[in-house]
Amino acid sequence: MNPRQRRGLLFVLVSFVVAVGTFFAVSAYVANVNSQVGSRVTVYQARQAIEAYTPLGPDNIEAVEVPERWVSKSSVLSLDELQGRRVGFRLNPGTTVSSDMLIPSSSLSSTEREVAVNVDSVTGVAGRVRPGDRVDIYAVFSEVPGLPKSVRILVRDVRIVSIAGEQTVTQQSATSGTSEQRVLPVTLALEPEQALSVTYAAAFASEVRLVALPNDVGTNRQGEPNEYDASELGGKAVREKANN
């Protein structure tokens, strides 16, 4: 073999070694990238800001592919699983929707209806009630024309469906003007007639209050009063002066 052939063979061997080295370097790089990124999955994110309790759908959420290792299993949902569901707080644009954000699906019977009322730390039993608990609903009527000032039990033994996070609502009053109040929306499972009475009270009563019940569902509650007004206090009634 002459010197030119030997040089040619050496160049071929060097090229082969470089090619093999390049192959392993690229393979190692790809393996490293795959180990950091991995396979991709589809999640759904808010297209724009979504206010609390807005039904989810294609108009306000969009599919986005992201590396599987970057998201939790609860975020991997299909559009069918999200369609019409609600979240109990505001979603900012780009927020990934996960199953633990969603308000639980309704467990109502065929005759029940869901009605939400706002309570605060006092009227909501200081946060001691939870979904699944049962309560009585009291209403205080003090400023409704034609009705005596009284406290009434509107509904007994009502099931709490869900309790949303604290929210700020703006209230209008003829005496104090505009004010803001921190409230907790509580969703109740009610029969249709009960739903009407609770809705009326929420609109016109000066206060709607939840009253927690004993854990013993078999407790005998016969004889409990349903209504109370000032005449029960005794004494002499004094006519109120008409407002000028």
C-alpha atoms as a PDB file:
ATOM      1  CA  MET A   1       0.000   0.000   0.000  1.00  0.00           C
ATOM      2  CA  ASN A   2       1.563   3.271  -1.056  1.00  0.00           C
ATOM      3  CA  PRO A   3       1.614   6.436   1.119  1.00  0.00           C
ATOM      4  CA  ARG A   4      -1.327   8.041  -0.757  1.00  0.00           C
ATOM      5  CA  GLN A   5      -3.524   4.975  -0.114  1.00  0.00           C
ATOM      6  CA  ARG A   6      -2.512   4.936   3.537  1.00  0.00           C
ATOM      7  CA  ARG A   7      -3.435   8.631   3.878  1.00  0.00           C
ATOM      8  CA  GLY A   8      -6.774   7.988   2.179  1.00  0.00           C
ATOM      9  CA  LEU A   9      -7.513   5.079   4.527  1.00  0.00           C
ATOM     10  CA  LEU A  10      -6.549   7.258   7.507  1.00  0.00           C
ATOM     11  CA  PHE A  11      -8.941   9.984   6.364  1.00  0.00           C
ATOM     12  CA  VAL A  12     -11.735   7.428   5.992  1.00  0.00           C
ATOM     13  CA  LEU A  13     -11.107   6.097   9.505  1.00  0.00           C
ATOM     14  CA  VAL A  14     -11.033   9.620  10.966  1.00  0.00           C
ATOM     15  CA  SER A  15     -14.270  10.515   9.145  1.00  0.00           C
ATOM     16  CA  PHE A  16     -15.912   7.348  10.482  1.00  0.00           C
ATOM     17  CA  VAL A  17     -14.837   8.136  14.036  1.00  0.00           C
ATOM     18  CA  VAL A  18     -16.086  11.727  13.709  1.00  0.00           C
ATOM     19  CA  ALA A  19     -19.391  10.513  12.269  1.00  0.00           C
ATOM     20  CA  VAL A  20     -19.847   7.998  15.095  1.00  0.00           C
ATOM     21  CA  GLY A  21     -18.940  10.652  17.672  1.00  0.00           C
ATOM     22  CA  THR A  22     -21.402  13.113  16.115  1.00  0.00           C
ATOM     23  CA  PHE A  23     -24.147  10.467  16.115  1.00  0.00           C
ATOM     24  CA  PHE A  24     -23.650   9.704  19.806  1.00  0.00           C
ATOM     25  CA  ALA A  25     -23.446  13.424  20.671  1.00  0.00           C
ATOM     26  CA  VAL A  26     -26.727  14.161  18.875  1.00  0.00           C
ATOM     27  CA  SER A  27     -28.367  11.089  20.429  1.00  0.00           C
ATOM     28  CA  ALA A  28     -27.242  12.173  23.876  1.00  0.00           C
ATOM     29  CA  TYR A  29     -28.589  15.691  23.278  1.00  0.00           C
ATOM     30  CA  VAL A  30     -31.951  14.391  22.056  1.00  0.00           C
ATOM     31  CA  ALA A  31     -32.166  11.998  25.006  1.00  0.00           C
ATOM     32  CA  ASN A  32     -31.387  14.864  27.382  1.00  0.00           C
ATOM     33  CA  VAL A  33     -34.072  17.073  25.797  1.00  0.00           C
ATOM     34  CA  ASN A  34     -36.602  14.219  25.960  1.00  0.00           C
ATOM     35  CA  SER A  35     -35.765  13.614  29.600  1.00  0.00           C
ATOM     36  CA  GLN A  36     -36.496  17.286  30.359  1.00  0.00           C
ATOM     37  CA  VAL A  37     -39.556  17.724  28.134  1.00  0.00           C
ATOM     38  CA  GLY A  38     -40.946  14.241  27.495  1.00  0.00           C
ATOM     39  CA  SER A  39     -44.243  13.578  25.766  1.00  0.00           C
ATOM     40  CA  ARG A  40     -46.823  16.337  25.340  1.00  0.00           C
ATOM     41  CA  VAL A  41     -50.430  16.414  26.515  1.00  0.00           C
ATOM     42  CA  THR A  42     -53.392  18.694  25.849  1.00  0.00           C
ATOM     43  CA  VAL A  43     -54.670  20.994  28.597  1.00  0.00           C
ATOM     44  CA  TYR A  44     -57.252  23.772  28.511  1.00  0.00           C
ATOM     45  CA  GLN A  45     -56.474  27.355  29.443  1.00  0.00           C
ATOM     46  CA  ALA A  46     -58.587  30.494  29.799  1.00  0.00           C
ATOM     47  CA  ARG A  47     -58.656  32.529  26.562  1.00  0.00           C
ATOM     48  CA  GLN A  48     -59.495  35.666  28.523  1.00  0.00           C
ATOM     49  CA  ALA A  49     -60.502  36.549  32.071  1.00  0.00           C
ATOM     50  CA  ILE A  50     -63.396  34.313  33.156  1.00  0.00           C
ATOM     51  CA  GLU A  51     -65.573  35.544  36.004  1.00  0.00           C
ATOM     52  CA  ALA A  52     -66.643  33.181  38.778  1.00  0.00           C
ATOM     53  CA  TYR A  53     -69.518  30.794  37.954  1.00  0.00           C
ATOM     54  CA  THR A  54     -69.297  31.427  34.177  1.00  0.00           C
ATOM     55  CA  PRO A  55     -69.993  28.186  32.230  1.00  0.00           C
ATOM     56  CA  LEU A  56     -66.839  26.901  30.511  1.00  0.00           C
ATOM     57  CA  GLY A  57     -66.807  26.169  26.789  1.00  0.00           C
ATOM     58  CA  PRO A  58     -64.966  26.770  23.506  1.00  0.00           C
ATOM     59  CA  ASP A  59     -65.755  30.506  23.698  1.00  0.00           C
ATOM     60  CA  ASN A  60     -63.646  31.082  26.813  1.00  0.00           C
ATOM     61  CA  ILE A  61     -61.163  28.174  26.993  1.00  0.00           C
ATOM     62  CA  GLU A  62     -58.681  26.845  24.426  1.00  0.00           C
ATOM     63  CA  ALA A  63     -56.606  23.686  23.995  1.00  0.00           C
ATOM     64  CA  VAL A  64     -52.835  24.025  24.517  1.00  0.00           C
ATOM     65  CA  GLU A  65     -50.154  21.311  24.195  1.00  0.00           C
ATOM     66  CA  VAL A  66     -47.596  21.286  26.994  1.00  0.00           C
ATOM     67  CA  PRO A  67     -44.957  18.789  28.229  1.00  0.00           C
ATOM     68  CA  GLU A  68     -46.629  16.125  30.354  1.00  0.00           C
ATOM     69  CA  ARG A  69     -44.096  16.449  33.155  1.00  0.00           C
ATOM     70  CA  TRP A  70     -44.996  20.136  33.598  1.00  0.00           C
ATOM     71  CA  VAL A  71     -48.659  19.609  34.484  1.00  0.00           C
ATOM     72  CA  SER A  72     -50.562  17.667  37.128  1.00  0.00           C
ATOM     73  CA  LYS A  73     -52.829  14.770  36.221  1.00  0.00           C
ATOM     74  CA  SER A  74     -55.831  16.830  37.333  1.00  0.00           C
ATOM     75  CA  SER A  75     -55.138  19.290  34.497  1.00  0.00           C
ATOM     76  CA  VAL A  76     -55.418  16.676  31.718  1.00  0.00           C
ATOM     77  CA  LEU A  77     -59.105  16.989  30.825  1.00  0.00           C
ATOM     78  CA  SER A  78     -61.151  16.737  27.655  1.00  0.00           C
ATOM     79  CA  LEU A  79     -63.457  19.458  26.364  1.00  0.00           C
ATOM     80  CA  ASP A  80     -66.459  17.206  27.085  1.00  0.00           C
ATOM     81  CA  GLU A  81     -65.412  17.061  30.751  1.00  0.00           C
ATOM     82  CA  LEU A  82     -65.227  20.870  30.938  1.00  0.00           C
ATOM     83  CA  GLN A  83     -68.224  21.844  28.806  1.00  0.00           C
ATOM     84  CA  GLY A  84     -70.756  23.724  30.940  1.00  0.00           C
ATOM     85  CA  ARG A  85     -68.812  23.255  34.194  1.00  0.00           C
ATOM     86  CA  ARG A  86     -68.095  26.229  36.460  1.00  0.00           C
ATOM     87  CA  VAL A  87     -65.257  27.500  38.629  1.00  0.00           C
ATOM     88  CA  GLY A  88     -66.070  29.329  41.871  1.00  0.00           C
ATOM     89  CA  PHE A  89     -63.473  32.092  41.428  1.00  0.00           C
ATOM     90  CA  ARG A  90     -62.112  34.384  38.711  1.00  0.00           C
ATOM     91  CA  LEU A  91     -59.679  32.865  36.180  1.00  0.00           C
ATOM     92  CA  ASN A  92     -57.005  35.088  34.671  1.00  0.00           C
ATOM     93  CA  PRO A  93     -56.045  34.705  30.976  1.00  0.00           C
ATOM     94  CA  GLY A  94     -53.742  31.726  30.443  1.00  0.00           C
ATOM     95  CA  THR A  95     -54.769  29.924  33.640  1.00  0.00           C
ATOM     96  CA  THR A  96     -54.832  26.141  33.185  1.00  0.00           C
ATOM     97  CA  VAL A  97     -58.147  24.618  34.277  1.00  0.00           C
ATOM     98  CA  SER A  98     -57.856  21.541  36.504  1.00  0.00           C
ATOM     99  CA  SER A  99     -60.469  19.197  37.915  1.00  0.00           C
ATOM    100  CA  ASP A 100     -59.923  20.393  41.499  1.00  0.00           C
ATOM    101  CA  MET A 101     -61.004  23.921  40.442  1.00  0.00           C
ATOM    102  CA  LEU A 102     -64.396  22.785  39.175  1.00  0.00           C
ATOM    103  CA  ILE A 103     -67.548  23.100  41.249  1.00  0.00           C
ATOM    104  CA  PRO A 104     -68.847  19.553  41.882  1.00  0.00           C
ATOM    105  CA  SER A 105     -71.589  18.375  39.556  1.00  0.00           C
ATOM    106  CA  SER A 106     -75.089  18.613  40.891  1.00  0.00           C
ATOM    107  CA  SER A 107     -76.375  15.694  42.957  1.00  0.00           C
ATOM    108  CA  LEU A 108     -79.957  16.938  42.976  1.00  0.00           C
ATOM    109  CA  SER A 109     -82.983  14.693  42.893  1.00  0.00           C
ATOM    110  CA  SER A 110     -85.584  15.144  40.153  1.00  0.00           C
ATOM    111  CA  THR A 111     -87.659  17.473  42.383  1.00  0.00           C
ATOM    112  CA  GLU A 112     -84.840  19.555  43.882  1.00  0.00           C
ATOM    113  CA  ARG A 113     -83.553  22.904  42.667  1.00  0.00           C
ATOM    114  CA  GLU A 114     -80.284  24.687  43.437  1.00  0.00           C
ATOM    115  CA  VAL A 115     -80.541  28.167  44.945  1.00  0.00           C
ATOM    116  CA  ALA A 116     -77.531  30.231  46.034  1.00  0.00           C
ATOM    117  CA  VAL A 117     -77.725  32.758  48.883  1.00  0.00           C
ATOM    118  CA  ASN A 118     -75.026  35.057  50.200  1.00  0.00           C
ATOM    119  CA  VAL A 119     -74.072  34.763  53.855  1.00  0.00           C
ATOM    120  CA  ASP A 120     -71.293  36.275  55.935  1.00  0.00           C
ATOM    121  CA  SER A 121     -69.248  34.946  58.834  1.00  0.00           C
ATOM    122  CA  VAL A 122     -72.194  35.452  61.227  1.00  0.00           C
ATOM    123  CA  THR A 123     -75.203  34.427  59.157  1.00  0.00           C
ATOM    124  CA  GLY A 124     -73.221  31.495  57.730  1.00  0.00           C
ATOM    125  CA  VAL A 125     -72.587  29.935  61.182  1.00  0.00           C
ATOM    126  CA  ALA A 126     -69.007  31.262  61.276  1.00  0.00           C
ATOM    127  CA  GLY A 127     -67.773  28.838  58.636  1.00  0.00           C
ATOM    128  CA  ARG A 128     -68.748  25.732  60.588  1.00  0.00           C
ATOM    129  CA  VAL A 129     -71.016  24.273  57.909  1.00  0.00           C
ATOM    130  CA  ARG A 130     -69.692  22.241  54.995  1.00  0.00           C
ATOM    131  CA  PRO A 131     -71.167  20.764  51.779  1.00  0.00           C
ATOM    132  CA  GLY A 132     -73.417  17.858  52.750  1.00  0.00           C
ATOM    133  CA  ASP A 133     -74.417  19.423  56.082  1.00  0.00           C
ATOM    134  CA  ARG A 134     -78.078  20.200  56.738  1.00  0.00           C
ATOM    135  CA  VAL A 135     -79.399  23.505  58.074  1.00  0.00           C
ATOM    136  CA  ASP A 136     -82.579  25.423  58.793  1.00  0.00           C
ATOM    137  CA  ILE A 137     -83.037  28.782  57.046  1.00  0.00           C
ATOM    138  CA  TYR A 138     -84.269  31.702  59.145  1.00  0.00           C
ATOM    139  CA  ALA A 139     -85.346  35.066  57.719  1.00  0.00           C
ATOM    140  CA  VAL A 140     -85.726  38.378  59.556  1.00  0.00           C
ATOM    141  CA  PHE A 141     -88.454  40.608  58.105  1.00  0.00           C
ATOM    142  CA  SER A 142     -88.313  44.142  59.448  1.00  0.00           C
ATOM    143  CA  GLU A 143     -88.769  46.585  56.564  1.00  0.00           C
ATOM    144  CA  VAL A 144     -91.305  44.892  54.267  1.00  0.00           C
ATOM    145  CA  PRO A 145     -94.542  46.927  53.912  1.00  0.00           C
ATOM    146  CA  GLY A 146     -97.573  44.965  55.036  1.00  0.00           C
ATOM    147  CA  LEU A 147     -95.595  42.391  57.032  1.00  0.00           C
ATOM    148  CA  PRO A 148     -95.113  42.556  60.800  1.00  0.00           C
ATOM    149  CA  LYS A 149     -91.540  42.610  62.028  1.00  0.00           C
ATOM    150  CA  SER A 150     -90.735  39.005  62.714  1.00  0.00           C
ATOM    151  CA  VAL A 151     -88.286  36.132  62.465  1.00  0.00           C
ATOM    152  CA  ARG A 152     -89.508  33.082  60.566  1.00  0.00           C
ATOM    153  CA  ILE A 153     -88.170  29.641  59.789  1.00  0.00           C
ATOM    154  CA  LEU A 154     -88.560  29.476  56.032  1.00  0.00           C
ATOM    155  CA  VAL A 155     -87.302  25.943  55.464  1.00  0.00           C
ATOM    156  CA  ARG A 156     -86.205  23.107  57.717  1.00  0.00           C
ATOM    157  CA  ASP A 157     -83.544  20.477  57.159  1.00  0.00           C
ATOM    158  CA  VAL A 158     -81.970  21.803  53.939  1.00  0.00           C
ATOM    159  CA  ARG A 159     -78.899  20.187  52.358  1.00  0.00           C
ATOM    160  CA  ILE A 160     -75.900  22.382  51.504  1.00  0.00           C
ATOM    161  CA  VAL A 161     -74.622  21.562  48.008  1.00  0.00           C
ATOM    162  CA  SER A 162     -71.530  23.759  47.855  1.00  0.00           C
ATOM    163  CA  ILE A 163     -69.831  26.750  49.464  1.00  0.00           C
ATOM    164  CA  ALA A 164     -67.837  29.093  47.218  1.00  0.00           C
ATOM    165  CA  GLY A 165     -64.876  31.252  48.147  1.00  0.00           C
ATOM    166  CA  GLU A 166     -65.262  34.655  49.764  1.00  0.00           C
ATOM    167  CA  GLN A 167     -66.328  37.431  47.385  1.00  0.00           C
ATOM    168  CA  THR A 168     -66.895  41.178  47.548  1.00  0.00           C
ATOM    169  CA  VAL A 169     -70.329  42.461  46.538  1.00  0.00           C
ATOM    170  CA  THR A 170     -71.582  46.033  46.216  1.00  0.00           C
ATOM    171  CA  GLN A 171     -74.802  46.868  48.043  1.00  0.00           C
ATOM    172  CA  GLN A 172     -77.137  49.831  47.587  1.00  0.00           C
ATOM    173  CA  SER A 173     -78.963  51.273  50.604  1.00  0.00           C
ATOM    174  CA  ALA A 174     -81.304  54.256  50.857  1.00  0.00           C
ATOM    175  CA  THR A 175     -79.768  55.238  54.197  1.00  0.00           C
ATOM    176  CA  SER A 176     -76.063  54.402  53.900  1.00  0.00           C
ATOM    177  CA  GLY A 177     -75.616  54.631  50.113  1.00  0.00           C
ATOM    178  CA  THR A 178     -73.213  52.291  48.332  1.00  0.00           C
ATOM    179  CA  SER A 179     -71.129  49.893  50.388  1.00  0.00           C
ATOM    180  CA  GLU A 180     -69.062  46.756  49.882  1.00  0.00           C
ATOM    181  CA  GLN A 181     -69.503  43.531  51.836  1.00  0.00           C
ATOM    182  CA  ARG A 182     -67.538  40.300  52.001  1.00  0.00           C
ATOM    183  CA  VAL A 183     -69.866  37.336  51.453  1.00  0.00           C
ATOM    184  CA  LEU A 184     -69.798  33.567  50.968  1.00  0.00           C
ATOM    185  CA  PRO A 185     -72.204  32.207  48.319  1.00  0.00           C
ATOM    186  CA  VAL A 186     -73.864  29.046  49.674  1.00  0.00           C
ATOM    187  CA  THR A 187     -75.776  26.788  47.273  1.00  0.00           C
ATOM    188  CA  LEU A 188     -78.763  24.931  48.740  1.00  0.00           C
ATOM    189  CA  ALA A 189     -80.856  22.008  47.472  1.00  0.00           C
ATOM    190  CA  LEU A 190     -84.518  23.014  47.746  1.00  0.00           C
ATOM    191  CA  GLU A 191     -87.912  21.866  46.608  1.00  0.00           C
ATOM    192  CA  PRO A 192     -89.568  24.340  44.181  1.00  0.00           C
ATOM    193  CA  GLU A 193     -91.879  25.949  46.778  1.00  0.00           C
ATOM    194  CA  GLN A 194     -88.976  26.249  49.208  1.00  0.00           C
ATOM    195  CA  ALA A 195     -86.843  27.805  46.473  1.00  0.00           C
ATOM    196  CA  LEU A 196     -89.484  30.507  45.977  1.00  0.00           C
ATOM    197  CA  SER A 197     -89.663  31.408  49.668  1.00  0.00           C
ATOM    198  CA  VAL A 198     -85.866  31.519  50.048  1.00  0.00           C
ATOM    199  CA  THR A 199     -85.494  33.622  46.897  1.00  0.00           C
ATOM    200  CA  TYR A 200     -88.116  36.056  48.202  1.00  0.00           C
ATOM    201  CA  ALA A 201     -86.353  36.294  51.548  1.00  0.00           C
ATOM    202  CA  ALA A 202     -82.968  36.830  49.900  1.00  0.00           C
ATOM    203  CA  ALA A 203     -84.449  39.794  48.025  1.00  0.00           C
ATOM    204  CA  PHE A 204     -86.629  41.427  50.702  1.00  0.00           C
ATOM    205  CA  ALA A 205     -85.663  40.181  54.156  1.00  0.00           C
ATOM    206  CA  SER A 206     -83.189  42.261  56.129  1.00  0.00           C
ATOM    207  CA  GLU A 207     -81.275  39.087  56.997  1.00  0.00           C
ATOM    208  CA  VAL A 208     -81.193  35.445  55.915  1.00  0.00           C
ATOM    209  CA  ARG A 209     -79.442  33.163  58.357  1.00  0.00           C
ATOM    210  CA  LEU A 210     -78.334  29.531  58.282  1.00  0.00           C
ATOM    211  CA  VAL A 211     -78.897  27.582  61.499  1.00  0.00           C
ATOM    212  CA  ALA A 212     -76.841  24.409  61.913  1.00  0.00           C
ATOM    213  CA  LEU A 213     -78.597  21.228  63.040  1.00  0.00           C
ATOM    214  CA  PRO A 214     -77.523  18.343  65.298  1.00  0.00           C
ATOM    215  CA  ASN A 215     -75.650  15.520  63.594  1.00  0.00           C
ATOM    216  CA  ASP A 216     -78.322  13.099  64.792  1.00  0.00           C
ATOM    217  CA  VAL A 217     -80.812  13.164  61.912  1.00  0.00           C
ATOM    218  CA  GLY A 218     -83.349  11.314  64.063  1.00  0.00           C
ATOM    219  CA  THR A 219     -83.658  14.118  66.607  1.00  0.00           C
ATOM    220  CA  ASN A 220     -87.281  14.822  67.533  1.00  0.00           C
ATOM    221  CA  ARG A 221     -88.008  18.422  66.536  1.00  0.00           C
ATOM    222  CA  GLN A 222     -91.730  18.493  67.172  1.00  0.00           C
ATOM    223  CA  GLY A 223     -92.955  21.556  69.025  1.00  0.00           C
ATOM    224  CA  GLU A 224     -90.250  23.903  67.755  1.00  0.00           C
ATOM    225  CA  PRO A 225     -91.704  27.339  66.937  1.00  0.00           C
ATOM    226  CA  ASN A 226     -91.824  28.473  63.316  1.00  0.00           C
ATOM    227  CA  GLU A 227     -92.251  32.207  63.833  1.00  0.00           C
ATOM    228  CA  TYR A 228     -91.425  34.893  66.382  1.00  0.00           C
ATOM    229  CA  ASP A 229     -92.346  38.576  66.553  1.00  0.00           C
ATOM    230  CA  ALA A 230     -92.290  41.393  69.071  1.00  0.00           C
ATOM    231  CA  SER A 231     -95.659  40.424  70.565  1.00  0.00           C
ATOM    232  CA  GLU A 232     -93.960  37.353  72.063  1.00  0.00           C
ATOM    233  CA  LEU A 233     -91.891  39.670  74.277  1.00  0.00           C
ATOM    234  CA  GLY A 234     -94.960  40.804  76.210  1.00  0.00           C
ATOM    235  CA  GLY A 235     -95.446  44.335  77.490  1.00  0.00           C
ATOM    236  CA  LYS A 236     -97.454  47.116  75.903  1.00  0.00           C
ATOM    237  CA  ALA A 237     -97.263  47.755  72.166  1.00  0.00           C
ATOM    238  CA  VAL A 238     -96.292  51.282  71.122  1.00  0.00           C
ATOM    239  CA  ARG A 239     -97.189  52.434  67.626  1.00  0.00           C
ATOM    240  CA  GLU A 240     -94.166  53.479  65.589  1.00  0.00           C
ATOM    241  CA  LYS A 241     -94.019  56.984  64.247  1.00  0.00           C
ATOM    242  CA  ALA A 242     -94.427  57.290  60.499  1.00  0.00           C
ATOM    243  CA  ASN A 243     -91.334  58.376  58.588  1.00  0.00           C
ATOM    244  CA  ASN A 244     -91.459  61.952  57.305  1.00  0.00           C
END
